[in-house]
Amino acid sequence: MMLILRYTYIVYLIFVASFTLANDDSVKYDIGLHNIFSRTETPLPFWLLFGNNGIIGHHNQQSFAIFSVNVPIQIKSKFGIQSGITFLGNMYGNNSMLPEVFINFELFNFEIKAGKESYSINQYGDGLNQGSWLLSNNFRPPPRLGFGIFKYTVLPFIPFIEIKGAANIGVLNDDRGNRGIINPLLHEKFGYIRSTGLPINPHIGLIHSAIFGGKLPNGNKIPGDFISVFFATPSRKVGELFPGEASNVAGAHSGLFDFGFYLDVKKTRIQFYHQKPFTDGSGFIRFFRFNKDMLTGVHISNIQKTWLTEFLFQYSNTQWQSGPGSPDPVVNGNFVFLDQIEDYDRFMDENFNLPPQKYTRDQVSDYLVENLNYGYRFGGRDNYLNNYMYHKGWTYHGFVMGNPLMLTYDRMRAVDPNLNFPYDRFIVNNRVKSFHTGVKGNISKATSYRFLYTSSGNLGTYFGENQGFSGWESLNVNSEYNYYFKEGKYQNYILLELNVELPKNPSFNFSASTAFDFGDMYKSLGFIFSASYSGGFTINKK
């Protein structure tokens, strides 16, 4: 992984060298200046901050410039290279960065991707949606090495079937905090299949993401065991440090199923999709019968109306999370793994003073469910995108790698600096129900608009409301525990953006956006003003 950590310099050298190799290829570049203004006593409005590939800071006043270049090199008809680099310079000298620097090798439809590149796999209507549950446009891309077919490709001998699928490995090399694992590895893979050219074209896909390896804060290295992580199986190697990993799957795992279909009506495409998240074996196994969590929506594009060209509606709900039952039994302060108990009679005698009666595994399980878990099955409280080993879970540079409606500790401290979530990990609100609408259209030939509206209901986390992994404070009628999300917090997020191109030179673009948040948590108003220029030139090699 040291090669991946040092990839930036290598990719940059190849990128610079690509200018001399390009032959009759068009180099594209973009230059943009952006200014953000918001009330200093409130958080930066939601849609000014999120859904921007993690490049916007949390400050209420920001001025920054973005310069990006993309160089394609077509060597043969079926072989090419794509390289790109993006530089963000903060006017105040802070948080300047290279959010993107990458090189991709393309042979037919197969790609090898190296570097930091922003892309989404299963987001429908980029720029309009609220963000996928995984692999969204909400976070800055980490250094990754990937290979596979990243775009739908027609099968050679079955022309009405398209597939895509790929795998990545990378490293989360940001500041993971005092409690975090240092430089954990990230594994992602996905596979999709759909029909094409039929009256109705269904699709089905699966995405799997895992965090593994890295170093403990004391410097001890966590075994990687990539094979166990890839196939989501237990690992004896990791189990030597974390006993639970010898029974559960190695590392931290999340994923989703994606179903849907599209149809074309004249020139308009209508896409329906339904996604089901899972984060452990219980969520995966119970998927078909019990999983109540979802993200479902419709995306209509290329609408033949001047005032409306694109429309999206999404409903999402992640409040179930395999139910309120604690994930694993805890007896006298110790985790209990039923398959590791050698003598069930002795276990019941030592822990509950019950006489031997040839207890079976199922009888012990039923007893623990009724007496420790209020009748709820174990394996609940999935705690989406959090993990007990990897404190910051599926976040990178403080931004959630999935749906931004899942709020982090940092975001909630921006809402109120006095808030504290001692029983939570980094994502303190992942039980969210939302309705989201996005539309695009044109006001005139030179002026377009984008509008987003999101209404969310937030319940925090099971861990937070119960004071921990296996607590039940939520059922204590005499409790004086004042949990911030106890009764639910309702919040609304609005964005209206106008884009104007110069009639005589459409390469120049000016935009103005206003965002307004209101609800039970806070009110906030903000603006962003931008000016950009997009151009290109051809390198002719003689």
Protein backbone atom coordinates (compact mmCIF):
# COMPACT_ATOMS: atom_id res chain seq x y z
CA MET A 1 0.00 0.00 0.00
CA MET A 2 3.00 2.34 0.21
CA LEU A 3 2.85 2.58 -3.58
CA ILE A 4 -0.73 3.83 -3.34
CA LEU A 5 0.21 6.30 -0.63
CA ARG A 6 2.89 7.76 -2.90
CA TYR A 7 0.83 7.55 -6.08
CA THR A 8 0.31 11.34 -6.39
CA TYR A 9 3.80 12.08 -7.62
CA ILE A 10 3.82 9.23 -10.10
CA VAL A 11 0.40 10.11 -11.51
CA TYR A 12 1.35 13.76 -11.79
CA LEU A 13 4.53 12.95 -13.74
CA ILE A 14 2.56 10.73 -16.12
CA PHE A 15 -0.03 13.45 -16.44
CA VAL A 16 2.59 16.04 -17.40
CA ALA A 17 4.25 13.62 -19.80
CA SER A 18 0.87 12.98 -21.46
CA PHE A 19 0.95 16.49 -22.95
CA THR A 20 3.95 15.49 -25.04
CA LEU A 21 2.39 12.18 -26.08
CA ALA A 22 -1.01 13.50 -27.13
CA ASN A 23 -1.61 13.42 -30.88
CA ASP A 24 -4.54 15.42 -32.26
CA ASP A 25 -6.28 15.09 -28.91
CA SER A 26 -8.27 17.90 -27.34
CA VAL A 27 -7.10 19.03 -23.91
CA LYS A 28 -10.01 20.34 -21.85
CA TYR A 29 -9.70 22.72 -18.93
CA ASP A 30 -11.98 24.56 -16.50
CA ILE A 31 -11.28 27.59 -14.34
CA GLY A 32 -13.73 28.68 -11.67
CA LEU A 33 -13.94 31.31 -8.93
CA HIS A 34 -16.39 30.70 -6.09
CA ASN A 35 -17.53 32.81 -3.15
CA ILE A 36 -19.75 31.52 -0.33
CA PHE A 37 -21.54 33.70 2.21
CA SER A 38 -23.64 32.56 5.16
CA ARG A 39 -24.66 33.73 8.61
CA THR A 40 -21.74 33.16 10.97
CA GLU A 41 -23.87 32.02 13.92
CA THR A 42 -25.48 29.11 12.05
CA PRO A 43 -24.14 26.11 10.10
CA LEU A 44 -23.41 26.46 6.41
CA PRO A 45 -26.66 25.52 4.60
CA PHE A 46 -26.89 21.85 3.74
CA TRP A 47 -26.89 21.92 -0.08
CA LEU A 48 -24.05 24.46 -0.22
CA LEU A 49 -21.85 22.06 1.73
CA PHE A 50 -22.87 18.57 0.68
CA GLY A 51 -23.09 16.79 -2.66
CA ASN A 52 -19.97 18.57 -3.95
CA ASN A 53 -17.39 15.76 -3.79
CA GLY A 54 -16.20 16.96 -0.39
CA ILE A 55 -14.35 20.04 -1.61
CA ILE A 56 -16.39 22.71 0.21
CA GLY A 57 -15.20 23.70 3.67
CA HIS A 58 -17.42 24.16 6.70
CA HIS A 59 -16.65 27.88 7.00
CA ASN A 60 -19.47 30.37 6.57
CA GLN A 61 -17.37 32.69 4.39
CA GLN A 62 -15.22 31.09 1.71
CA SER A 63 -13.49 32.20 -1.47
CA PHE A 64 -11.62 29.68 -3.59
CA ALA A 65 -10.52 28.95 -7.14
CA ILE A 66 -10.68 25.60 -8.93
CA PHE A 67 -8.55 24.73 -11.93
CA SER A 68 -8.90 21.35 -13.65
CA VAL A 69 -7.42 19.82 -16.77
CA ASN A 70 -8.35 16.60 -18.56
CA VAL A 71 -6.09 15.08 -21.21
CA PRO A 72 -7.29 12.21 -23.41
CA ILE A 73 -4.73 10.23 -25.41
CA GLN A 74 -6.05 7.94 -28.15
CA ILE A 75 -3.15 5.66 -29.08
CA LYS A 76 -5.06 3.03 -31.03
CA SER A 77 -8.73 2.79 -31.99
CA LYS A 78 -9.40 0.57 -28.97
CA PHE A 79 -6.71 1.76 -26.56
CA GLY A 80 -6.55 5.13 -24.87
CA ILE A 81 -5.48 6.99 -21.76
CA GLN A 82 -7.44 9.52 -19.73
CA SER A 83 -5.59 11.70 -17.24
CA GLY A 84 -6.82 14.55 -15.13
CA ILE A 85 -5.85 16.87 -12.32
CA THR A 86 -7.84 19.35 -10.24
CA PHE A 87 -6.36 22.01 -8.00
CA LEU A 88 -8.38 23.93 -5.42
CA GLY A 89 -6.77 27.06 -4.02
CA ASN A 90 -8.33 28.73 -1.01
CA MET A 91 -8.06 32.50 -1.13
CA TYR A 92 -7.21 32.59 2.57
CA GLY A 93 -4.39 30.08 2.22
CA ASN A 94 -6.12 27.27 4.09
CA ASN A 95 -7.36 23.91 2.82
CA SER A 96 -5.73 24.15 -0.62
CA MET A 97 -5.69 20.69 -2.12
CA LEU A 98 -5.54 18.38 -5.11
CA PRO A 99 -8.98 16.78 -4.83
CA GLU A 100 -8.43 14.88 -8.08
CA VAL A 101 -5.33 13.51 -9.78
CA PHE A 102 -5.69 10.34 -11.82
CA ILE A 103 -4.77 8.35 -14.89
CA ASN A 104 -6.96 5.70 -16.53
CA PHE A 105 -5.93 3.11 -19.09
CA GLU A 106 -8.71 1.97 -21.41
CA LEU A 107 -8.62 -1.14 -23.61
CA PHE A 108 -11.91 -1.72 -25.42
CA ASN A 109 -14.32 -1.27 -22.47
CA PHE A 110 -11.93 -2.51 -19.78
CA GLU A 111 -10.33 0.14 -17.57
CA ILE A 112 -7.55 0.39 -15.03
CA LYS A 113 -8.03 3.45 -12.82
CA ALA A 114 -5.23 4.84 -10.64
CA GLY A 115 -5.37 7.89 -8.41
CA LYS A 116 -8.08 10.07 -6.93
CA GLU A 117 -11.07 10.37 -9.26
CA SER A 118 -14.63 11.40 -8.45
CA TYR A 119 -17.26 9.12 -9.91
CA SER A 120 -20.50 7.48 -8.79
CA ILE A 121 -21.74 4.04 -9.72
CA ASN A 122 -25.40 3.95 -8.77
CA GLN A 123 -26.56 7.55 -8.49
CA TYR A 124 -29.42 8.39 -10.81
CA GLY A 125 -29.61 12.02 -11.84
CA ASP A 126 -26.26 13.38 -10.65
CA GLY A 127 -26.70 16.94 -9.45
CA LEU A 128 -30.34 16.33 -8.56
CA ASN A 129 -30.34 13.39 -6.16
CA GLN A 130 -29.71 13.36 -2.42
CA GLY A 131 -26.83 10.90 -2.76
CA SER A 132 -26.63 7.15 -2.92
CA TRP A 133 -26.25 5.10 0.24
CA LEU A 134 -22.73 4.19 -0.94
CA LEU A 135 -20.28 5.55 -3.52
CA SER A 136 -22.01 8.91 -3.69
CA ASN A 137 -20.77 12.33 -4.82
CA ASN A 138 -20.58 13.57 -1.24
CA PHE A 139 -16.93 12.83 -0.42
CA ARG A 140 -13.50 13.65 -1.77
CA PRO A 141 -12.14 10.58 -3.58
CA PRO A 142 -9.40 8.70 -1.70
CA PRO A 143 -6.38 7.21 -3.52
CA ARG A 144 -7.58 4.04 -5.22
CA LEU A 145 -6.48 1.46 -7.74
CA GLY A 146 -9.36 -0.12 -9.66
CA PHE A 147 -9.92 -2.39 -12.60
CA GLY A 148 -12.95 -3.65 -14.48
CA ILE A 149 -15.79 -2.43 -16.68
CA PHE A 150 -16.99 0.83 -15.12
CA LYS A 151 -19.62 1.69 -17.74
CA TYR A 152 -22.45 -0.43 -19.12
CA THR A 153 -21.14 -2.53 -22.01
CA VAL A 154 -23.08 -4.69 -24.46
CA LEU A 155 -22.24 -8.40 -24.35
CA PRO A 156 -20.70 -9.48 -27.67
CA PHE A 157 -23.05 -12.37 -28.39
CA ILE A 158 -26.15 -11.09 -26.57
CA PRO A 159 -26.70 -7.58 -27.97
CA PHE A 160 -29.70 -6.79 -25.73
CA ILE A 161 -27.77 -7.41 -22.47
CA GLU A 162 -25.37 -4.91 -20.89
CA ILE A 163 -23.07 -5.45 -17.91
CA LYS A 164 -20.67 -3.49 -15.75
CA GLY A 165 -18.54 -4.53 -12.80
CA ALA A 166 -15.25 -3.56 -11.19
CA ALA A 167 -13.20 -3.72 -8.00
CA ASN A 168 -11.14 -1.08 -6.18
CA ILE A 169 -8.62 -1.04 -3.39
CA GLY A 170 -7.55 2.16 -1.72
CA VAL A 171 -6.51 3.77 1.52
CA LEU A 172 -8.32 6.21 3.83
CA ASN A 173 -5.28 8.35 4.58
CA ASP A 174 -7.09 11.24 6.27
CA ASP A 175 -7.03 12.16 9.96
CA ARG A 176 -9.13 9.43 11.60
CA GLY A 177 -9.03 10.97 15.08
CA ASN A 178 -7.53 9.81 18.37
CA ARG A 179 -9.85 6.79 18.46
CA GLY A 180 -9.45 5.92 14.80
CA ILE A 181 -7.45 3.29 12.96
CA ILE A 182 -4.55 4.84 11.06
CA ASN A 183 -4.58 4.44 7.25
CA PRO A 184 -7.22 1.70 7.01
CA LEU A 185 -7.67 0.11 3.60
CA LEU A 186 -10.83 0.45 1.51
CA HIS A 187 -12.17 -2.28 -0.77
CA GLU A 188 -15.08 -1.67 -3.16
CA LYS A 189 -16.66 -3.84 -5.81
CA PHE A 190 -19.85 -3.80 -7.81
CA GLY A 191 -21.65 -5.78 -10.48
CA TYR A 192 -24.67 -4.79 -12.62
CA ILE A 193 -26.63 -6.36 -15.46
CA ARG A 194 -29.50 -4.88 -17.46
CA SER A 195 -31.29 -5.26 -20.77
CA THR A 196 -31.26 -2.64 -23.50
CA GLY A 197 -33.37 -1.89 -26.53
CA LEU A 198 -36.49 -3.56 -25.12
CA PRO A 199 -39.78 -1.77 -24.33
CA ILE A 200 -38.95 -2.10 -20.61
CA ASN A 201 -35.36 -2.71 -19.50
CA PRO A 202 -34.83 -4.05 -15.95
CA HIS A 203 -31.54 -3.96 -14.05
CA ILE A 204 -30.14 -5.63 -10.96
CA GLY A 205 -26.93 -4.76 -9.15
CA LEU A 206 -24.93 -5.35 -6.00
CA ILE A 207 -22.37 -3.05 -4.36
CA HIS A 208 -20.05 -4.17 -1.56
CA SER A 209 -17.68 -1.94 0.40
CA ALA A 210 -15.29 -2.95 3.19
CA ILE A 211 -12.82 -1.18 5.49
CA PHE A 212 -9.99 -3.34 6.82
CA GLY A 213 -6.37 -3.39 7.96
CA GLY A 214 -4.53 -0.29 9.09
CA LYS A 215 -2.74 0.41 12.35
CA LEU A 216 -4.02 0.84 15.87
CA PRO A 217 -3.23 4.14 17.62
CA ASN A 218 -0.50 2.30 19.58
CA GLY A 219 1.22 1.33 16.31
CA ASN A 220 0.18 -2.33 16.18
CA LYS A 221 -0.72 -3.41 12.67
CA ILE A 222 -4.10 -5.03 11.99
CA PRO A 223 -3.77 -8.02 9.66
CA GLY A 224 -5.29 -7.27 6.27
CA ASP A 225 -6.44 -10.77 5.21
CA PHE A 226 -7.78 -9.47 1.90
CA ILE A 227 -9.23 -12.83 0.86
CA SER A 228 -11.49 -12.95 3.94
CA VAL A 229 -12.50 -9.33 3.36
CA PHE A 230 -13.21 -9.89 -0.34
CA PHE A 231 -15.52 -12.83 0.33
CA ALA A 232 -16.85 -11.38 3.65
CA THR A 233 -15.85 -14.38 5.76
CA PRO A 234 -14.40 -14.64 9.32
CA SER A 235 -10.65 -14.31 9.81
CA ARG A 236 -8.52 -16.06 12.39
CA LYS A 237 -5.70 -13.60 11.71
CA VAL A 238 -7.80 -10.58 12.62
CA GLY A 239 -9.46 -12.59 15.39
CA GLU A 240 -6.15 -12.71 17.26
CA LEU A 241 -6.54 -8.96 17.94
CA PHE A 242 -10.34 -8.72 17.86
CA PRO A 243 -11.96 -12.01 18.98
CA GLY A 244 -15.28 -11.17 17.34
CA GLU A 245 -13.65 -11.17 13.89
CA ALA A 246 -13.02 -14.91 14.22
CA SER A 247 -16.80 -15.47 14.32
CA ASN A 248 -18.10 -12.48 12.36
CA VAL A 249 -16.78 -11.31 9.00
CA ALA A 250 -13.33 -9.72 8.92
CA GLY A 251 -13.29 -5.95 8.74
CA ALA A 252 -16.23 -3.56 8.43
CA HIS A 253 -18.73 -4.21 5.64
CA SER A 254 -21.56 -2.33 3.97
CA GLY A 255 -23.43 -2.82 0.74
CA LEU A 256 -26.66 -2.50 -1.14
CA PHE A 257 -28.88 -4.25 -3.64
CA ASP A 258 -30.12 -2.15 -6.54
CA PHE A 259 -33.20 -3.09 -8.58
CA GLY A 260 -35.09 -1.14 -11.20
CA PHE A 261 -35.93 -0.60 -14.83
CA TYR A 262 -36.03 2.11 -17.46
CA LEU A 263 -38.15 2.78 -20.50
CA ASP A 264 -37.92 5.32 -23.30
CA VAL A 265 -41.02 7.24 -24.30
CA LYS A 266 -40.12 9.05 -27.52
CA LYS A 267 -36.95 10.93 -26.51
CA THR A 268 -37.64 10.91 -22.77
CA ARG A 269 -36.09 8.27 -20.49
CA ILE A 270 -37.92 7.22 -17.32
CA GLN A 271 -35.81 5.36 -14.74
CA PHE A 272 -37.25 3.64 -11.65
CA TYR A 273 -34.91 2.24 -8.97
CA HIS A 274 -35.14 0.62 -5.56
CA GLN A 275 -32.11 0.14 -3.33
CA LYS A 276 -31.79 -1.95 -0.17
CA PRO A 277 -28.84 -1.35 2.17
CA PHE A 278 -27.14 -3.86 4.45
CA THR A 279 -24.20 -3.56 6.78
CA ASP A 280 -23.75 -7.03 8.26
CA GLY A 281 -24.90 -10.62 7.95
CA SER A 282 -28.24 -9.96 9.62
CA GLY A 283 -29.14 -7.20 7.20
CA PHE A 284 -28.00 -9.28 4.24
CA ILE A 285 -29.76 -12.52 5.21
CA ARG A 286 -32.98 -10.78 6.23
CA PHE A 287 -33.02 -8.70 3.07
CA PHE A 288 -35.79 -10.42 1.16
CA ARG A 289 -38.28 -10.73 4.04
CA PHE A 290 -37.49 -8.25 6.78
CA ASN A 291 -35.39 -5.34 5.55
CA LYS A 292 -37.58 -2.25 5.83
CA ASP A 293 -34.84 0.23 4.90
CA MET A 294 -34.68 1.52 1.36
CA LEU A 295 -33.97 4.27 -1.11
CA THR A 296 -36.45 4.33 -3.97
CA GLY A 297 -36.99 6.87 -6.69
CA VAL A 298 -37.81 7.91 -10.23
CA HIS A 299 -35.60 9.92 -12.57
CA ILE A 300 -36.98 11.42 -15.79
CA SER A 301 -34.42 12.90 -18.18
CA ASN A 302 -34.44 14.63 -21.54
CA ILE A 303 -37.94 15.96 -20.95
CA GLN A 304 -39.03 17.85 -24.05
CA LYS A 305 -40.02 21.02 -22.22
CA THR A 306 -38.15 24.29 -22.14
CA TRP A 307 -38.97 25.02 -18.50
CA LEU A 308 -38.46 21.40 -17.33
CA THR A 309 -35.74 19.16 -18.76
CA GLU A 310 -35.05 16.79 -15.84
CA PHE A 311 -37.02 15.62 -12.79
CA LEU A 312 -36.16 13.37 -9.85
CA PHE A 313 -38.04 12.21 -6.75
CA GLN A 314 -36.60 10.02 -3.99
CA TYR A 315 -37.91 8.48 -0.79
CA SER A 316 -35.42 7.00 1.65
CA ASN A 317 -35.77 5.37 5.06
CA THR A 318 -32.95 3.98 7.20
CA GLN A 319 -34.74 3.99 10.57
CA TRP A 320 -35.18 0.21 10.93
CA GLN A 321 -31.60 -1.11 10.74
CA SER A 322 -32.52 -4.74 11.56
CA GLY A 323 -34.58 -3.60 14.55
CA PRO A 324 -33.87 -2.21 18.04
CA GLY A 325 -32.37 -5.41 19.47
CA SER A 326 -28.71 -5.16 20.50
CA PRO A 327 -26.20 -6.59 17.99
CA ASP A 328 -24.74 -9.31 20.25
CA PRO A 329 -25.50 -10.56 23.76
CA VAL A 330 -23.43 -9.03 26.55
CA VAL A 331 -23.36 -10.99 29.82
CA ASN A 332 -21.60 -9.56 32.87
CA GLY A 333 -19.78 -7.07 30.68
CA ASN A 334 -18.49 -9.64 28.18
CA PHE A 335 -19.59 -10.40 24.63
CA VAL A 336 -21.17 -13.81 24.22
CA PHE A 337 -20.76 -15.80 21.00
CA LEU A 338 -23.07 -18.78 21.28
CA ASP A 339 -21.11 -20.97 18.86
CA GLN A 340 -18.01 -20.60 21.04
CA ILE A 341 -19.70 -21.84 24.27
CA GLU A 342 -18.46 -25.37 25.01
CA ASP A 343 -20.89 -26.25 27.82
CA TYR A 344 -24.30 -24.52 27.78
CA ASP A 345 -25.34 -25.92 31.19
CA ARG A 346 -22.24 -24.53 32.85
CA PHE A 347 -22.73 -21.19 31.09
CA MET A 348 -26.31 -20.86 32.40
CA ASP A 349 -25.26 -21.92 35.90
CA GLU A 350 -22.30 -19.54 36.14
CA ASN A 351 -24.10 -16.52 34.73
CA PHE A 352 -27.76 -16.95 35.75
CA ASN A 353 -27.67 -19.52 38.61
CA LEU A 354 -29.93 -21.88 36.65
CA PRO A 355 -29.67 -25.63 37.31
CA PRO A 356 -28.39 -27.88 34.47
CA GLN A 357 -31.08 -29.27 32.16
CA LYS A 358 -29.10 -30.09 29.01
CA TYR A 359 -29.55 -26.68 27.44
CA THR A 360 -29.30 -26.45 23.68
CA ARG A 361 -27.92 -23.52 21.74
CA ASP A 362 -31.43 -22.41 20.74
CA GLN A 363 -32.68 -22.56 24.33
CA VAL A 364 -29.80 -20.39 25.52
CA SER A 365 -30.43 -17.97 22.68
CA ASP A 366 -34.15 -17.74 23.52
CA TYR A 367 -33.35 -17.10 27.19
CA LEU A 368 -30.94 -14.28 26.33
CA VAL A 369 -33.46 -12.72 23.92
CA GLU A 370 -36.23 -12.67 26.53
CA ASN A 371 -34.14 -11.64 29.53
CA LEU A 372 -31.51 -9.35 28.05
CA ASN A 373 -33.05 -8.02 24.85
CA TYR A 374 -36.71 -7.36 25.74
CA GLY A 375 -37.85 -10.06 23.32
CA TYR A 376 -36.11 -8.56 20.29
CA ARG A 377 -33.81 -10.75 18.26
CA PHE A 378 -30.07 -10.06 18.42
CA GLY A 379 -28.37 -8.71 15.34
CA GLY A 380 -30.16 -5.36 15.29
CA ARG A 381 -28.90 -1.79 15.61
CA ASP A 382 -26.90 -2.08 12.40
CA ASN A 383 -25.58 1.46 12.92
CA TYR A 384 -25.23 2.22 9.23
CA LEU A 385 -21.82 3.41 7.99
CA ASN A 386 -20.37 3.21 11.54
CA ASN A 387 -18.21 0.42 12.93
CA TYR A 388 -16.87 -0.43 16.37
CA MET A 389 -13.30 -1.07 15.10
CA TYR A 390 -13.14 1.78 12.62
CA HIS A 391 -14.32 4.81 14.58
CA LYS A 392 -14.92 7.14 11.62
CA GLY A 393 -16.51 4.42 9.51
CA TRP A 394 -17.44 5.29 5.94
CA THR A 395 -16.27 8.90 6.07
CA TYR A 396 -13.32 10.59 4.45
CA HIS A 397 -12.00 14.01 5.46
CA GLY A 398 -15.12 14.36 7.62
CA PHE A 399 -17.65 13.72 4.82
CA VAL A 400 -19.93 10.68 4.72
CA MET A 401 -19.10 8.42 1.76
CA GLY A 402 -22.81 7.82 1.22
CA ASN A 403 -26.00 9.74 1.82
CA PRO A 404 -25.15 13.15 3.40
CA LEU A 405 -28.41 13.11 5.39
CA MET A 406 -26.51 10.85 7.78
CA LEU A 407 -25.03 13.56 9.98
CA THR A 408 -21.59 13.42 11.59
CA TYR A 409 -20.42 14.58 15.00
CA ASP A 410 -18.70 17.55 13.35
CA ARG A 411 -21.90 18.63 11.57
CA MET A 412 -23.94 18.45 14.77
CA ARG A 413 -21.34 20.45 16.68
CA ALA A 414 -21.73 23.11 13.98
CA VAL A 415 -25.46 23.06 14.74
CA ASP A 416 -24.76 23.54 18.45
CA PRO A 417 -21.22 23.51 19.95
CA ASN A 418 -22.65 22.33 23.28
CA LEU A 419 -24.02 19.10 21.84
CA ASN A 420 -22.30 15.92 22.96
CA PHE A 421 -22.85 12.34 21.81
CA PRO A 422 -20.79 10.18 24.21
CA TYR A 423 -22.44 6.89 23.24
CA ASP A 424 -22.04 7.35 19.50
CA ARG A 425 -19.34 6.89 16.96
CA PHE A 426 -18.52 9.53 14.32
CA ILE A 427 -21.86 9.39 12.48
CA VAL A 428 -24.38 10.40 15.17
CA ASN A 429 -27.53 10.44 13.02
CA ASN A 430 -28.10 7.56 10.59
CA ARG A 431 -31.77 6.74 11.26
CA VAL A 432 -33.27 9.08 8.69
CA LYS A 433 -36.50 9.22 6.69
CA SER A 434 -36.58 11.68 3.82
CA PHE A 435 -38.50 12.94 0.80
CA HIS A 436 -36.37 14.59 -1.85
CA THR A 437 -37.16 16.40 -5.12
CA GLY A 438 -34.82 17.79 -7.75
CA VAL A 439 -35.64 19.58 -11.01
CA LYS A 440 -33.75 21.25 -13.83
CA GLY A 441 -34.95 23.47 -16.64
CA ASN A 442 -34.35 26.53 -18.76
CA ILE A 443 -35.66 30.04 -18.25
CA SER A 444 -34.21 31.21 -21.56
CA LYS A 445 -31.63 30.04 -24.08
CA ALA A 446 -28.82 31.36 -21.92
CA THR A 447 -30.30 30.84 -18.43
CA SER A 448 -30.97 27.54 -16.65
CA TYR A 449 -31.96 26.63 -13.13
CA ARG A 450 -31.62 23.78 -10.62
CA PHE A 451 -33.88 23.32 -7.61
CA LEU A 452 -33.54 20.87 -4.70
CA TYR A 453 -35.88 20.33 -1.78
CA THR A 454 -35.34 17.76 0.97
CA SER A 455 -37.53 17.06 3.98
CA SER A 456 -35.98 14.77 6.61
CA GLY A 457 -36.98 13.15 9.89
CA ASN A 458 -33.99 12.32 12.10
CA LEU A 459 -33.92 9.83 14.98
CA GLY A 460 -30.17 9.74 15.67
CA THR A 461 -28.87 6.23 16.36
CA TYR A 462 -29.95 3.23 18.42
CA PHE A 463 -26.64 3.46 20.30
CA GLY A 464 -27.27 7.09 21.22
CA GLU A 465 -30.85 6.67 22.43
CA ASN A 466 -29.98 3.56 24.50
CA GLN A 467 -26.71 4.83 25.97
CA GLY A 468 -24.54 2.31 24.23
CA PHE A 469 -24.18 -0.95 22.35
CA SER A 470 -26.38 -3.12 24.55
CA GLY A 471 -28.20 -0.60 26.78
CA TRP A 472 -31.98 -0.10 26.92
CA GLU A 473 -32.35 3.42 28.25
CA SER A 474 -35.06 4.09 25.65
CA LEU A 475 -37.39 1.72 27.56
CA ASN A 476 -36.66 3.19 30.99
CA VAL A 477 -39.85 5.08 31.90
CA ASN A 478 -38.05 6.82 34.76
CA SER A 479 -35.10 7.92 32.67
CA GLU A 480 -33.86 11.49 32.95
CA TYR A 481 -31.55 11.00 29.97
CA ASN A 482 -32.17 13.88 27.57
CA TYR A 483 -31.28 12.42 24.18
CA TYR A 484 -31.12 15.11 21.50
CA PHE A 485 -33.02 13.06 18.88
CA LYS A 486 -35.44 11.42 21.36
CA GLU A 487 -38.66 12.76 19.86
CA GLY A 488 -37.24 13.08 16.36
CA LYS A 489 -35.91 16.21 14.68
CA TYR A 490 -37.46 17.39 11.44
CA GLN A 491 -35.37 19.48 9.09
CA ASN A 492 -35.79 20.91 5.57
CA TYR A 493 -33.12 21.81 3.03
CA ILE A 494 -33.69 23.99 -0.07
CA LEU A 495 -31.40 25.05 -2.90
CA LEU A 496 -32.15 27.29 -5.89
CA GLU A 497 -29.40 27.78 -8.46
CA LEU A 498 -29.36 29.96 -11.58
CA ASN A 499 -26.77 29.54 -14.35
CA VAL A 500 -26.18 32.12 -17.08
CA GLU A 501 -24.01 31.65 -20.17
CA LEU A 502 -22.74 34.61 -22.15
CA PRO A 503 -24.76 34.59 -25.40
CA LYS A 504 -21.76 35.38 -27.58
CA ASN A 505 -19.36 33.13 -25.67
CA PRO A 506 -21.03 30.18 -23.91
CA SER A 507 -17.68 29.10 -22.50
CA PHE A 508 -18.19 31.74 -19.81
CA ASN A 509 -20.68 30.75 -17.12
CA PHE A 510 -21.99 32.70 -14.15
CA SER A 511 -24.07 31.13 -11.40
CA ALA A 512 -25.78 32.26 -8.22
CA SER A 513 -27.26 29.92 -5.62
CA THR A 514 -29.21 30.47 -2.46
CA ALA A 515 -29.79 27.78 0.14
CA PHE A 516 -32.13 27.85 3.09
CA ASP A 517 -32.39 25.32 5.93
CA PHE A 518 -35.17 25.34 8.52
CA GLY A 519 -36.71 22.99 11.05
CA ASP A 520 -36.29 21.67 14.58
CA MET A 521 -32.48 21.78 14.56
CA TYR A 522 -31.63 25.22 13.15
CA LYS A 523 -32.31 27.90 10.53
CA SER A 524 -29.66 28.99 8.06
CA LEU A 525 -29.43 31.09 4.91
CA GLY A 526 -26.48 31.21 2.52
CA PHE A 527 -25.36 32.14 -0.97
CA ILE A 528 -22.72 31.09 -3.46
CA PHE A 529 -21.62 33.13 -6.46
CA SER A 530 -19.44 31.57 -9.13
CA ALA A 531 -17.79 32.50 -12.42
CA SER A 532 -16.18 29.86 -14.62
CA TYR A 533 -14.63 29.40 -18.01
CA SER A 534 -14.41 26.09 -19.91
CA GLY A 535 -12.12 25.70 -22.85
CA GLY A 536 -9.85 23.38 -24.72
CA PHE A 537 -7.12 23.17 -27.31
CA THR A 538 -5.64 20.59 -29.60
CA ILE A 539 -2.10 19.37 -29.40
CA ASN A 540 -0.78 18.49 -32.87
CA LYS A 541 2.26 16.32 -32.72
CA LYS A 542 4.46 16.68 -35.77
